[in-house]
Each structure stands twice: as structure tokens, then as C-alpha cells.
mmCIF file of all heavy atoms, coordinates in Angstrom:
data_MODEL
# 
_entry.id   MODEL 
# 
loop_
_atom_site.group_PDB 
_atom_site.id 
_atom_site.type_symbol 
_atom_site.label_atom_id 
_atom_site.label_alt_id 
_atom_site.label_comp_id 
_atom_site.label_asym_id 
_atom_site.label_entity_id 
_atom_site.label_seq_id 
_atom_site.pdbx_PDB_ins_code 
_atom_site.Cartn_x 
_atom_site.Cartn_y 
_atom_site.Cartn_z 
_atom_site.occupancy 
_atom_site.B_iso_or_equiv 
_atom_site.pdbx_formal_charge 
_atom_site.auth_seq_id 
_atom_site.auth_comp_id 
_atom_site.auth_asym_id 
_atom_site.auth_atom_id 
_atom_site.pdbx_PDB_model_num 
ATOM 1   N N   . ILE A 1 1  ? 119.683 182.794 134.269 1.00 0.00 ? 1  ILE A N   1 
ATOM 2   C CA  . ILE A 1 1  ? 120.598 181.686 134.158 1.00 0.00 ? 1  ILE A CA  1 
ATOM 3   C C   . ILE A 1 1  ? 120.428 180.639 135.254 1.00 0.00 ? 1  ILE A C   1 
ATOM 4   O O   . ILE A 1 1  ? 120.647 180.876 136.422 1.00 0.00 ? 1  ILE A O   1 
ATOM 5   C CB  . ILE A 1 1  ? 122.050 182.232 134.240 1.00 0.00 ? 1  ILE A CB  1 
ATOM 6   C CG1 . ILE A 1 1  ? 122.273 183.188 133.066 1.00 0.00 ? 1  ILE A CG1 1 
ATOM 7   C CG2 . ILE A 1 1  ? 123.109 181.117 134.151 1.00 0.00 ? 1  ILE A CG2 1 
ATOM 8   C CD1 . ILE A 1 1  ? 123.614 183.968 133.072 1.00 0.00 ? 1  ILE A CD1 1 
ATOM 9   N N   . ARG A 1 2  ? 119.919 179.470 134.841 1.00 0.00 ? 2  ARG A N   1 
ATOM 10  C CA  . ARG A 1 2  ? 119.680 178.398 135.819 1.00 0.00 ? 2  ARG A CA  1 
ATOM 11  C C   . ARG A 1 2  ? 120.955 177.501 135.866 1.00 0.00 ? 2  ARG A C   1 
ATOM 12  O O   . ARG A 1 2  ? 121.499 177.075 134.850 1.00 0.00 ? 2  ARG A O   1 
ATOM 13  C CB  . ARG A 1 2  ? 118.533 177.537 135.324 1.00 0.00 ? 2  ARG A CB  1 
ATOM 14  C CG  . ARG A 1 2  ? 117.195 178.307 135.247 1.00 0.00 ? 2  ARG A CG  1 
ATOM 15  C CD  . ARG A 1 2  ? 116.304 177.859 136.410 1.00 0.00 ? 2  ARG A CD  1 
ATOM 16  N NE  . ARG A 1 2  ? 115.248 178.824 136.568 1.00 0.00 ? 2  ARG A NE  1 
ATOM 17  C CZ  . ARG A 1 2  ? 114.820 179.258 137.706 1.00 0.00 ? 2  ARG A CZ  1 
ATOM 18  N NH1 . ARG A 1 2  ? 115.333 178.770 138.824 1.00 0.00 ? 2  ARG A NH1 1 
ATOM 19  N NH2 . ARG A 1 2  ? 113.868 180.107 137.774 1.00 0.00 ? 2  ARG A NH2 1 
ATOM 20  N N   . LEU A 1 3  ? 121.416 177.305 137.055 1.00 0.00 ? 3  LEU A N   1 
ATOM 21  C CA  . LEU A 1 3  ? 122.614 176.553 137.252 1.00 0.00 ? 3  LEU A CA  1 
ATOM 22  C C   . LEU A 1 3  ? 122.542 175.125 136.812 1.00 0.00 ? 3  LEU A C   1 
ATOM 23  O O   . LEU A 1 3  ? 123.519 174.592 136.258 1.00 0.00 ? 3  LEU A O   1 
ATOM 24  C CB  . LEU A 1 3  ? 123.084 176.574 138.754 1.00 0.00 ? 3  LEU A CB  1 
ATOM 25  C CG  . LEU A 1 3  ? 123.372 178.004 139.337 1.00 0.00 ? 3  LEU A CG  1 
ATOM 26  C CD1 . LEU A 1 3  ? 124.004 177.865 140.705 1.00 0.00 ? 3  LEU A CD1 1 
ATOM 27  C CD2 . LEU A 1 3  ? 124.213 178.830 138.391 1.00 0.00 ? 3  LEU A CD2 1 
ATOM 28  N N   . GLY A 1 4  ? 121.417 174.549 136.888 1.00 0.00 ? 4  GLY A N   1 
ATOM 29  C CA  . GLY A 1 4  ? 121.226 173.155 136.416 1.00 0.00 ? 4  GLY A CA  1 
ATOM 30  C C   . GLY A 1 4  ? 121.465 173.110 134.923 1.00 0.00 ? 4  GLY A C   1 
ATOM 31  O O   . GLY A 1 4  ? 122.152 172.146 134.427 1.00 0.00 ? 4  GLY A O   1 
ATOM 32  N N   . ALA A 1 5  ? 120.963 174.043 134.163 1.00 0.00 ? 5  ALA A N   1 
ATOM 33  C CA  . ALA A 1 5  ? 121.157 174.073 132.736 1.00 0.00 ? 5  ALA A CA  1 
ATOM 34  C C   . ALA A 1 5  ? 122.635 174.244 132.366 1.00 0.00 ? 5  ALA A C   1 
ATOM 35  O O   . ALA A 1 5  ? 123.150 173.615 131.423 1.00 0.00 ? 5  ALA A O   1 
ATOM 36  C CB  . ALA A 1 5  ? 120.308 175.148 132.097 1.00 0.00 ? 5  ALA A CB  1 
ATOM 37  N N   . VAL A 1 6  ? 123.285 175.125 133.147 1.00 0.00 ? 6  VAL A N   1 
ATOM 38  C CA  . VAL A 1 6  ? 124.716 175.356 132.852 1.00 0.00 ? 6  VAL A CA  1 
ATOM 39  C C   . VAL A 1 6  ? 125.486 174.079 133.096 1.00 0.00 ? 6  VAL A C   1 
ATOM 40  O O   . VAL A 1 6  ? 126.315 173.659 132.324 1.00 0.00 ? 6  VAL A O   1 
ATOM 41  C CB  . VAL A 1 6  ? 125.243 176.524 133.751 1.00 0.00 ? 6  VAL A CB  1 
ATOM 42  C CG1 . VAL A 1 6  ? 126.744 176.628 133.584 1.00 0.00 ? 6  VAL A CG1 1 
ATOM 43  C CG2 . VAL A 1 6  ? 124.591 177.837 133.436 1.00 0.00 ? 6  VAL A CG2 1 
ATOM 44  N N   . VAL A 1 7  ? 125.237 173.441 134.284 1.00 0.00 ? 7  VAL A N   1 
ATOM 45  C CA  . VAL A 1 7  ? 126.001 172.206 134.617 1.00 0.00 ? 7  VAL A CA  1 
ATOM 46  C C   . VAL A 1 7  ? 125.697 171.077 133.590 1.00 0.00 ? 7  VAL A C   1 
ATOM 47  O O   . VAL A 1 7  ? 126.591 170.446 133.130 1.00 0.00 ? 7  VAL A O   1 
ATOM 48  C CB  . VAL A 1 7  ? 125.698 171.794 136.044 1.00 0.00 ? 7  VAL A CB  1 
ATOM 49  C CG1 . VAL A 1 7  ? 126.206 170.380 136.359 1.00 0.00 ? 7  VAL A CG1 1 
ATOM 50  C CG2 . VAL A 1 7  ? 126.222 172.796 137.062 1.00 0.00 ? 7  VAL A CG2 1 
ATOM 51  N N   . ARG A 1 8  ? 124.423 170.958 133.204 1.00 0.00 ? 8  ARG A N   1 
ATOM 52  C CA  . ARG A 1 8  ? 124.122 169.918 132.209 1.00 0.00 ? 8  ARG A CA  1 
ATOM 53  C C   . ARG A 1 8  ? 124.914 170.139 130.962 1.00 0.00 ? 8  ARG A C   1 
ATOM 54  O O   . ARG A 1 8  ? 125.423 169.182 130.370 1.00 0.00 ? 8  ARG A O   1 
ATOM 55  C CB  . ARG A 1 8  ? 122.600 169.951 131.883 1.00 0.00 ? 8  ARG A CB  1 
ATOM 56  C CG  . ARG A 1 8  ? 121.765 169.113 132.748 1.00 0.00 ? 8  ARG A CG  1 
ATOM 57  C CD  . ARG A 1 8  ? 120.330 169.039 132.295 1.00 0.00 ? 8  ARG A CD  1 
ATOM 58  N NE  . ARG A 1 8  ? 119.476 168.532 133.297 1.00 0.00 ? 8  ARG A NE  1 
ATOM 59  C CZ  . ARG A 1 8  ? 118.963 169.298 134.271 1.00 0.00 ? 8  ARG A CZ  1 
ATOM 60  N NH1 . ARG A 1 8  ? 119.145 170.544 134.278 1.00 0.00 ? 8  ARG A NH1 1 
ATOM 61  N NH2 . ARG A 1 8  ? 118.246 168.736 135.176 1.00 0.00 ? 8  ARG A NH2 1 
ATOM 62  N N   . ARG A 1 9  ? 124.921 171.339 130.474 1.00 0.00 ? 9  ARG A N   1 
ATOM 63  C CA  . ARG A 1 9  ? 125.590 171.643 129.219 1.00 0.00 ? 9  ARG A CA  1 
ATOM 64  C C   . ARG A 1 9  ? 127.086 171.379 129.343 1.00 0.00 ? 9  ARG A C   1 
ATOM 65  O O   . ARG A 1 9  ? 127.648 170.756 128.485 1.00 0.00 ? 9  ARG A O   1 
ATOM 66  C CB  . ARG A 1 9  ? 125.329 173.079 128.774 1.00 0.00 ? 9  ARG A CB  1 
ATOM 67  C CG  . ARG A 1 9  ? 126.015 173.394 127.445 1.00 0.00 ? 9  ARG A CG  1 
ATOM 68  C CD  . ARG A 1 9  ? 125.722 174.775 126.933 1.00 0.00 ? 9  ARG A CD  1 
ATOM 69  N NE  . ARG A 1 9  ? 126.413 174.971 125.727 1.00 0.00 ? 9  ARG A NE  1 
ATOM 70  C CZ  . ARG A 1 9  ? 125.821 174.989 124.509 1.00 0.00 ? 9  ARG A CZ  1 
ATOM 71  N NH1 . ARG A 1 9  ? 124.559 174.723 124.382 1.00 0.00 ? 9  ARG A NH1 1 
ATOM 72  N NH2 . ARG A 1 9  ? 126.569 175.193 123.452 1.00 0.00 ? 9  ARG A NH2 1 
ATOM 73  N N   . LEU A 1 10 ? 127.649 171.848 130.413 1.00 0.00 ? 10 LEU A N   1 
ATOM 74  C CA  . LEU A 1 10 ? 129.140 171.766 130.522 1.00 0.00 ? 10 LEU A CA  1 
ATOM 75  C C   . LEU A 1 10 ? 129.642 170.362 130.929 1.00 0.00 ? 10 LEU A C   1 
ATOM 76  O O   . LEU A 1 10 ? 130.743 169.989 130.627 1.00 0.00 ? 10 LEU A O   1 
ATOM 77  C CB  . LEU A 1 10 ? 129.654 172.769 131.543 1.00 0.00 ? 10 LEU A CB  1 
ATOM 78  C CG  . LEU A 1 10 ? 129.427 174.266 131.127 1.00 0.00 ? 10 LEU A CG  1 
ATOM 79  C CD1 . LEU A 1 10 ? 129.840 175.180 132.272 1.00 0.00 ? 10 LEU A CD1 1 
ATOM 80  C CD2 . LEU A 1 10 ? 130.136 174.542 129.853 1.00 0.00 ? 10 LEU A CD2 1 
ATOM 81  N N   . GLU A 1 11 ? 128.732 169.600 131.509 1.00 0.00 ? 11 GLU A N   1 
ATOM 82  C CA  . GLU A 1 11 ? 129.049 168.234 131.929 1.00 0.00 ? 11 GLU A CA  1 
ATOM 83  C C   . GLU A 1 11 ? 128.553 167.182 130.903 1.00 0.00 ? 11 GLU A C   1 
ATOM 84  O O   . GLU A 1 11 ? 128.630 165.981 131.151 1.00 0.00 ? 11 GLU A O   1 
ATOM 85  C CB  . GLU A 1 11 ? 128.494 167.944 133.308 1.00 0.00 ? 11 GLU A CB  1 
ATOM 86  C CG  . GLU A 1 11 ? 129.048 168.782 134.396 1.00 0.00 ? 11 GLU A CG  1 
ATOM 87  C CD  . GLU A 1 11 ? 130.366 168.272 134.997 1.00 0.00 ? 11 GLU A CD  1 
ATOM 88  O OE1 . GLU A 1 11 ? 130.576 167.047 135.101 1.00 0.00 ? 11 GLU A OE1 1 
ATOM 89  O OE2 . GLU A 1 11 ? 131.232 169.173 135.296 1.00 0.00 ? 11 GLU A OE2 1 
ATOM 90  N N   . ALA A 1 12 ? 127.962 167.648 129.767 1.00 0.00 ? 12 ALA A N   1 
ATOM 91  C CA  . ALA A 1 12 ? 127.418 166.694 128.774 1.00 0.00 ? 12 ALA A CA  1 
ATOM 92  C C   . ALA A 1 12 ? 128.481 165.703 128.351 1.00 0.00 ? 12 ALA A C   1 
ATOM 93  O O   . ALA A 1 12 ? 129.620 166.068 128.092 1.00 0.00 ? 12 ALA A O   1 
ATOM 94  C CB  . ALA A 1 12 ? 126.946 167.470 127.604 1.00 0.00 ? 12 ALA A CB  1 
ATOM 95  N N   . GLY A 1 13 ? 128.094 164.475 128.329 1.00 0.00 ? 13 GLY A N   1 
ATOM 96  C CA  . GLY A 1 13 ? 129.043 163.418 127.926 1.00 0.00 ? 13 GLY A CA  1 
ATOM 97  C C   . GLY A 1 13 ? 129.919 162.897 129.085 1.00 0.00 ? 13 GLY A C   1 
ATOM 98  O O   . GLY A 1 13 ? 130.685 161.941 128.865 1.00 0.00 ? 13 GLY A O   1 
ATOM 99  N N   . GLN A 1 14 ? 129.793 163.458 130.280 1.00 0.00 ? 14 GLN A N   1 
ATOM 100 C CA  . GLN A 1 14 ? 130.620 162.945 131.397 1.00 0.00 ? 14 GLN A CA  1 
ATOM 101 C C   . GLN A 1 14 ? 129.776 161.945 132.165 1.00 0.00 ? 14 GLN A C   1 
ATOM 102 O O   . GLN A 1 14 ? 128.729 162.293 132.752 1.00 0.00 ? 14 GLN A O   1 
ATOM 103 C CB  . GLN A 1 14 ? 130.993 164.155 132.287 1.00 0.00 ? 14 GLN A CB  1 
ATOM 104 C CG  . GLN A 1 14 ? 131.892 165.144 131.641 1.00 0.00 ? 14 GLN A CG  1 
ATOM 105 C CD  . GLN A 1 14 ? 133.178 164.508 131.160 1.00 0.00 ? 14 GLN A CD  1 
ATOM 106 O OE1 . GLN A 1 14 ? 133.866 163.767 131.842 1.00 0.00 ? 14 GLN A OE1 1 
ATOM 107 N NE2 . GLN A 1 14 ? 133.539 164.806 129.899 1.00 0.00 ? 14 GLN A NE2 1 
ATOM 108 N N   . ALA A 1 15 ? 130.219 160.742 132.165 1.00 0.00 ? 15 ALA A N   1 
ATOM 109 C CA  . ALA A 1 15 ? 129.497 159.659 132.872 1.00 0.00 ? 15 ALA A CA  1 
ATOM 110 C C   . ALA A 1 15 ? 129.780 159.762 134.355 1.00 0.00 ? 15 ALA A C   1 
ATOM 111 O O   . ALA A 1 15 ? 130.951 159.859 134.764 1.00 0.00 ? 15 ALA A O   1 
ATOM 112 C CB  . ALA A 1 15 ? 129.912 158.340 132.336 1.00 0.00 ? 15 ALA A CB  1 
ATOM 113 N N   . LEU A 1 16 ? 128.704 159.641 135.154 1.00 0.00 ? 16 LEU A N   1 
ATOM 114 C CA  . LEU A 1 16 ? 128.858 159.658 136.613 1.00 0.00 ? 16 LEU A CA  1 
ATOM 115 C C   . LEU A 1 16 ? 129.619 158.370 136.988 1.00 0.00 ? 16 LEU A C   1 
ATOM 116 O O   . LEU A 1 16 ? 130.506 158.387 137.872 1.00 0.00 ? 16 LEU A O   1 
ATOM 117 C CB  . LEU A 1 16 ? 127.493 159.711 137.254 1.00 0.00 ? 16 LEU A CB  1 
ATOM 118 C CG  . LEU A 1 16 ? 127.440 159.652 138.776 1.00 0.00 ? 16 LEU A CG  1 
ATOM 119 C CD1 . LEU A 1 16 ? 128.176 160.872 139.368 1.00 0.00 ? 16 LEU A CD1 1 
ATOM 120 C CD2 . LEU A 1 16 ? 126.002 159.635 139.225 1.00 0.00 ? 16 LEU A CD2 1 
ATOM 121 N N   . VAL A 1 17 ? 129.292 157.270 136.460 1.00 0.00 ? 17 VAL A N   1 
ATOM 122 C CA  . VAL A 1 17 ? 129.949 155.983 136.640 1.00 0.00 ? 17 VAL A CA  1 
ATOM 123 C C   . VAL A 1 17 ? 130.053 155.293 135.310 1.00 0.00 ? 17 VAL A C   1 
ATOM 124 O O   . VAL A 1 17 ? 129.465 155.672 134.337 1.00 0.00 ? 17 VAL A O   1 
ATOM 125 C CB  . VAL A 1 17 ? 129.157 155.103 137.658 1.00 0.00 ? 17 VAL A CB  1 
ATOM 126 C CG1 . VAL A 1 17 ? 129.245 155.655 139.068 1.00 0.00 ? 17 VAL A CG1 1 
ATOM 127 C CG2 . VAL A 1 17 ? 127.737 154.875 137.253 1.00 0.00 ? 17 VAL A CG2 1 
ATOM 128 N N   . GLU A 1 18 ? 130.863 154.248 135.251 1.00 0.00 ? 18 GLU A N   1 
ATOM 129 C CA  . GLU A 1 18 ? 131.179 153.540 134.055 1.00 0.00 ? 18 GLU A CA  1 
ATOM 130 C C   . GLU A 1 18 ? 129.973 153.135 133.220 1.00 0.00 ? 18 GLU A C   1 
ATOM 131 O O   . GLU A 1 18 ? 129.930 153.364 132.032 1.00 0.00 ? 18 GLU A O   1 
ATOM 132 C CB  . GLU A 1 18 ? 131.998 152.247 134.407 1.00 0.00 ? 18 GLU A CB  1 
ATOM 133 C CG  . GLU A 1 18 ? 132.448 151.410 133.231 1.00 0.00 ? 18 GLU A CG  1 
ATOM 134 C CD  . GLU A 1 18 ? 133.606 151.973 132.474 1.00 0.00 ? 18 GLU A CD  1 
ATOM 135 O OE1 . GLU A 1 18 ? 134.316 152.878 132.957 1.00 0.00 ? 18 GLU A OE1 1 
ATOM 136 O OE2 . GLU A 1 18 ? 133.811 151.539 131.343 1.00 0.00 ? 18 GLU A OE2 1 
ATOM 137 N N   . CYS A 1 19 ? 128.947 152.671 133.866 1.00 0.00 ? 19 CYS A N   1 
ATOM 138 C CA  . CYS A 1 19 ? 127.780 152.127 133.182 1.00 0.00 ? 19 CYS A CA  1 
ATOM 139 C C   . CYS A 1 19 ? 126.908 153.238 132.555 1.00 0.00 ? 19 CYS A C   1 
ATOM 140 O O   . CYS A 1 19 ? 126.034 153.009 131.811 1.00 0.00 ? 19 CYS A O   1 
ATOM 141 C CB  . CYS A 1 19 ? 126.978 151.243 134.025 1.00 0.00 ? 19 CYS A CB  1 
ATOM 142 S SG  . CYS A 1 19 ? 126.252 152.008 135.500 1.00 0.00 ? 19 CYS A SG  1 
ATOM 143 N N   . PHE A 1 20 ? 127.214 154.527 132.936 1.00 0.00 ? 20 PHE A N   1 
ATOM 144 C CA  . PHE A 1 20 ? 126.480 155.613 132.343 1.00 0.00 ? 20 PHE A CA  1 
ATOM 145 C C   . PHE A 1 20 ? 127.075 156.108 131.046 1.00 0.00 ? 20 PHE A C   1 
ATOM 146 O O   . PHE A 1 20 ? 126.541 156.964 130.373 1.00 0.00 ? 20 PHE A O   1 
ATOM 147 C CB  . PHE A 1 20 ? 126.402 156.839 133.324 1.00 0.00 ? 20 PHE A CB  1 
ATOM 148 C CG  . PHE A 1 20 ? 125.426 156.653 134.408 1.00 0.00 ? 20 PHE A CG  1 
ATOM 149 C CD1 . PHE A 1 20 ? 124.955 155.433 134.828 1.00 0.00 ? 20 PHE A CD1 1 
ATOM 150 C CD2 . PHE A 1 20 ? 125.009 157.780 135.150 1.00 0.00 ? 20 PHE A CD2 1 
ATOM 151 C CE1 . PHE A 1 20 ? 124.049 155.278 135.898 1.00 0.00 ? 20 PHE A CE1 1 
ATOM 152 C CE2 . PHE A 1 20 ? 124.092 157.644 136.172 1.00 0.00 ? 20 PHE A CE2 1 
ATOM 153 C CZ  . PHE A 1 20 ? 123.597 156.374 136.549 1.00 0.00 ? 20 PHE A CZ  1 
ATOM 154 N N   . ARG A 1 21 ? 128.232 155.587 130.667 1.00 0.00 ? 21 ARG A N   1 
ATOM 155 C CA  . ARG A 1 21 ? 128.852 155.973 129.418 1.00 0.00 ? 21 ARG A CA  1 
ATOM 156 C C   . ARG A 1 21 ? 127.943 155.614 128.242 1.00 0.00 ? 21 ARG A C   1 
ATOM 157 O O   . ARG A 1 21 ? 127.170 154.730 128.267 1.00 0.00 ? 21 ARG A O   1 
ATOM 158 C CB  . ARG A 1 21 ? 130.189 155.272 129.169 1.00 0.00 ? 21 ARG A CB  1 
ATOM 159 C CG  . ARG A 1 21 ? 131.271 155.770 130.181 1.00 0.00 ? 21 ARG A CG  1 
ATOM 160 C CD  . ARG A 1 21 ? 132.588 155.130 129.978 1.00 0.00 ? 21 ARG A CD  1 
ATOM 161 N NE  . ARG A 1 21 ? 132.795 154.504 128.705 1.00 0.00 ? 21 ARG A NE  1 
ATOM 162 C CZ  . ARG A 1 21 ? 133.818 153.779 128.383 1.00 0.00 ? 21 ARG A CZ  1 
ATOM 163 N NH1 . ARG A 1 21 ? 134.732 153.501 129.290 1.00 0.00 ? 21 ARG A NH1 1 
ATOM 164 N NH2 . ARG A 1 21 ? 133.930 153.188 127.175 1.00 0.00 ? 21 ARG A NH2 1 
ATOM 165 N N   . ALA A 1 22 ? 128.040 156.453 127.208 1.00 0.00 ? 22 ALA A N   1 
ATOM 166 C CA  . ALA A 1 22 ? 127.167 156.246 126.012 1.00 0.00 ? 22 ALA A CA  1 
ATOM 167 C C   . ALA A 1 22 ? 127.317 154.862 125.436 1.00 0.00 ? 22 ALA A C   1 
ATOM 168 O O   . ALA A 1 22 ? 126.338 154.258 124.952 1.00 0.00 ? 22 ALA A O   1 
ATOM 169 C CB  . ALA A 1 22 ? 127.501 157.325 124.946 1.00 0.00 ? 22 ALA A CB  1 
ATOM 170 N N   . ASP A 1 23 ? 128.576 154.250 125.530 1.00 0.00 ? 23 ASP A N   1 
ATOM 171 C CA  . ASP A 1 23 ? 128.737 152.956 124.952 1.00 0.00 ? 23 ASP A CA  1 
ATOM 172 C C   . ASP A 1 23 ? 128.426 151.819 125.973 1.00 0.00 ? 23 ASP A C   1 
ATOM 173 O O   . ASP A 1 23 ? 128.743 150.676 125.733 1.00 0.00 ? 23 ASP A O   1 
ATOM 174 C CB  . ASP A 1 23 ? 130.189 152.796 124.409 1.00 0.00 ? 23 ASP A CB  1 
ATOM 175 C CG  . ASP A 1 23 ? 131.277 152.879 125.483 1.00 0.00 ? 23 ASP A CG  1 
ATOM 176 O OD1 . ASP A 1 23 ? 130.922 153.053 126.647 1.00 0.00 ? 23 ASP A OD1 1 
ATOM 177 O OD2 . ASP A 1 23 ? 132.438 152.862 125.122 1.00 0.00 ? 23 ASP A OD2 1 
ATOM 178 N N   . GLY A 1 24 ? 127.993 152.182 127.106 1.00 0.00 ? 24 GLY A N   1 
ATOM 179 C CA  . GLY A 1 24 ? 127.600 151.224 128.208 1.00 0.00 ? 24 GLY A CA  1 
ATOM 180 C C   . GLY A 1 24 ? 128.754 150.882 129.083 1.00 0.00 ? 24 GLY A C   1 
ATOM 181 O O   . GLY A 1 24 ? 128.593 150.174 130.070 1.00 0.00 ? 24 GLY A O   1 
ATOM 182 N N   . GLY A 1 25 ? 129.980 151.324 128.730 1.00 0.00 ? 25 GLY A N   1 
ATOM 183 C CA  . GLY A 1 25 ? 131.179 151.114 129.575 1.00 0.00 ? 25 GLY A CA  1 
ATOM 184 C C   . GLY A 1 25 ? 131.464 149.643 129.703 1.00 0.00 ? 25 GLY A C   1 
ATOM 185 O O   . GLY A 1 25 ? 131.082 148.788 128.870 1.00 0.00 ? 25 GLY A O   1 
ATOM 186 N N   . ALA A 1 26 ? 132.242 149.311 130.687 1.00 0.00 ? 26 ALA A N   1 
ATOM 187 C CA  . ALA A 1 26 ? 132.684 147.962 130.910 1.00 0.00 ? 26 ALA A CA  1 
ATOM 188 C C   . ALA A 1 26 ? 132.313 147.492 132.267 1.00 0.00 ? 26 ALA A C   1 
ATOM 189 O O   . ALA A 1 26 ? 133.102 147.000 133.034 1.00 0.00 ? 26 ALA A O   1 
ATOM 190 C CB  . ALA A 1 26 ? 134.206 147.890 130.698 1.00 0.00 ? 26 ALA A CB  1 
ATOM 191 N N   . CYS A 1 27 ? 131.022 147.659 132.566 1.00 0.00 ? 27 CYS A N   1 
ATOM 192 C CA  . CYS A 1 27 ? 130.540 147.250 133.909 1.00 0.00 ? 27 CYS A CA  1 
ATOM 193 C C   . CYS A 1 27 ? 130.544 145.753 134.027 1.00 0.00 ? 27 CYS A C   1 
ATOM 194 O O   . CYS A 1 27 ? 129.858 145.051 133.246 1.00 0.00 ? 27 CYS A O   1 
ATOM 195 C CB  . CYS A 1 27 ? 129.157 147.859 134.168 1.00 0.00 ? 27 CYS A CB  1 
ATOM 196 S SG  . CYS A 1 27 ? 128.493 147.423 135.796 1.00 0.00 ? 27 CYS A SG  1 
# 
């Protein structure tokens, strides 16, 4: 069990900042 893979899966879709959102956000 690699922690990076776990975090990637559980954090999928979570943007670090607004511009990382799938829709581009409102930067």
C-alpha cells in the first residue's frame, strides 16, 4: 500500500487552488 496512491485516490477532484479546478475556476 503506497501512501501516494491512497492520497491521490481519496483526494481526486480536490483542487489545491482555484485554478486547478476541472472547470478552470475563477482565477
